[in-house]
Amino acid sequence: MAVSLAGKVEDIAEMVMFLCSDKAGFITGENICIDGGMTRLMIYHGEHGWTYEDKENN
């Protein structure tokens, strides 16, 4: 299920920090989608009533 909001730079950075840590030492060759579930739903800006609104810069 999608989370119904746009992600932040920090969402990507947290995954990068995890992958650079010792906790990710056994992970190899993985595709990781960090998109709040939008890939699964295949919903993009303007479809099904969903729009992107940049609340921080409006």
C-alpha atoms as a PDB file:
ATOM      1  CA  MET A   1       0.000   0.000   0.000  1.00  0.00           C
ATOM      2  CA  ALA A   2       1.348   3.414  -0.935  1.00  0.00           C
ATOM      3  CA  VAL A   3       1.904   5.955   1.817  1.00  0.00           C
ATOM      4  CA  SER A   4       0.170   8.757  -0.156  1.00  0.00           C
ATOM      5  CA  LEU A   5       2.907  11.340   0.204  1.00  0.00           C
ATOM      6  CA  ALA A   6       6.079  12.322  -1.559  1.00  0.00           C
ATOM      7  CA  GLY A   7       9.328  11.192  -0.050  1.00  0.00           C
ATOM      8  CA  LYS A   8      12.079  13.376   1.299  1.00  0.00           C
ATOM      9  CA  VAL A   9      15.802  13.402   0.637  1.00  0.00           C
ATOM     10  CA  GLU A  10      16.253  11.969   4.123  1.00  0.00           C
ATOM     11  CA  ASP A  11      14.332   8.823   3.108  1.00  0.00           C
ATOM     12  CA  ILE A  12      17.005   8.021   0.524  1.00  0.00           C
ATOM     13  CA  ALA A  13      19.859   9.098   2.798  1.00  0.00           C
ATOM     14  CA  GLU A  14      18.722   6.740   5.571  1.00  0.00           C
ATOM     15  CA  MET A  15      18.867   3.756   3.209  1.00  0.00           C
ATOM     16  CA  VAL A  16      22.301   4.833   1.948  1.00  0.00           C
ATOM     17  CA  MET A  17      23.561   5.119   5.529  1.00  0.00           C
ATOM     18  CA  PHE A  18      22.190   1.661   6.327  1.00  0.00           C
ATOM     19  CA  LEU A  19      23.810   0.129   3.235  1.00  0.00           C
ATOM     20  CA  CYS A  20      27.133   1.722   4.203  1.00  0.00           C
ATOM     21  CA  SER A  21      26.932   0.339   7.726  1.00  0.00           C
ATOM     22  CA  ASP A  22      28.156  -2.976   9.116  1.00  0.00           C
ATOM     23  CA  LYS A  23      24.503  -4.053   9.501  1.00  0.00           C
ATOM     24  CA  ALA A  24      24.249  -4.404   5.710  1.00  0.00           C
ATOM     25  CA  GLY A  25      27.408  -6.497   5.363  1.00  0.00           C
ATOM     26  CA  PHE A  26      25.554  -9.522   3.967  1.00  0.00           C
ATOM     27  CA  ILE A  27      23.544  -7.603   1.320  1.00  0.00           C
ATOM     28  CA  THR A  28      24.816  -7.956  -2.248  1.00  0.00           C
ATOM     29  CA  GLY A  29      23.295  -7.103  -5.625  1.00  0.00           C
ATOM     30  CA  GLU A  30      19.912  -5.868  -4.464  1.00  0.00           C
ATOM     31  CA  ASN A  31      17.465  -3.425  -6.096  1.00  0.00           C
ATOM     32  CA  ILE A  32      15.824  -1.324  -3.409  1.00  0.00           C
ATOM     33  CA  CYS A  33      12.885   0.917  -4.329  1.00  0.00           C
ATOM     34  CA  ILE A  34      12.430   3.811  -1.950  1.00  0.00           C
ATOM     35  CA  ASP A  35       9.233   5.324  -3.290  1.00  0.00           C
ATOM     36  CA  GLY A  36       6.554   4.868  -0.649  1.00  0.00           C
ATOM     37  CA  GLY A  37       4.905   2.042  -2.603  1.00  0.00           C
ATOM     38  CA  MET A  38       4.253   4.069  -5.755  1.00  0.00           C
ATOM     39  CA  THR A  39       6.082   1.551  -7.965  1.00  0.00           C
ATOM     40  CA  ARG A  40       3.744  -1.216  -6.848  1.00  0.00           C
ATOM     41  CA  LEU A  41       0.669   0.893  -7.622  1.00  0.00           C
ATOM     42  CA  MET A  42       2.180   2.348 -10.814  1.00  0.00           C
ATOM     43  CA  ILE A  43       0.637   5.734  -9.976  1.00  0.00           C
ATOM     44  CA  TYR A  44       2.328   8.850 -11.232  1.00  0.00           C
ATOM     45  CA  HIS A  45       1.660  12.579 -10.931  1.00  0.00           C
ATOM     46  CA  GLY A  46      -1.717  13.420 -12.439  1.00  0.00           C
ATOM     47  CA  GLU A  47      -3.133   9.878 -12.418  1.00  0.00           C
ATOM     48  CA  HIS A  48      -6.052   8.697 -10.300  1.00  0.00           C
ATOM     49  CA  GLY A  49      -6.352  12.108  -8.660  1.00  0.00           C
ATOM     50  CA  TRP A  50      -2.846  11.935  -7.150  1.00  0.00           C
ATOM     51  CA  THR A  51      -0.717  15.045  -7.495  1.00  0.00           C
ATOM     52  CA  TYR A  52       2.607  16.064  -6.096  1.00  0.00           C
ATOM     53  CA  GLU A  53       2.521  19.173  -3.916  1.00  0.00           C
ATOM     54  CA  ASP A  54       5.794  20.530  -2.589  1.00  0.00           C
ATOM     55  CA  LYS A  55       4.529  21.746   0.794  1.00  0.00           C
ATOM     56  CA  GLU A  56       7.961  22.937   1.927  1.00  0.00           C
ATOM     57  CA  ASN A  57       8.440  25.337  -1.010  1.00  0.00           C
ATOM     58  CA  ASN A  58       4.876  26.630  -1.480  1.00  0.00           C
END
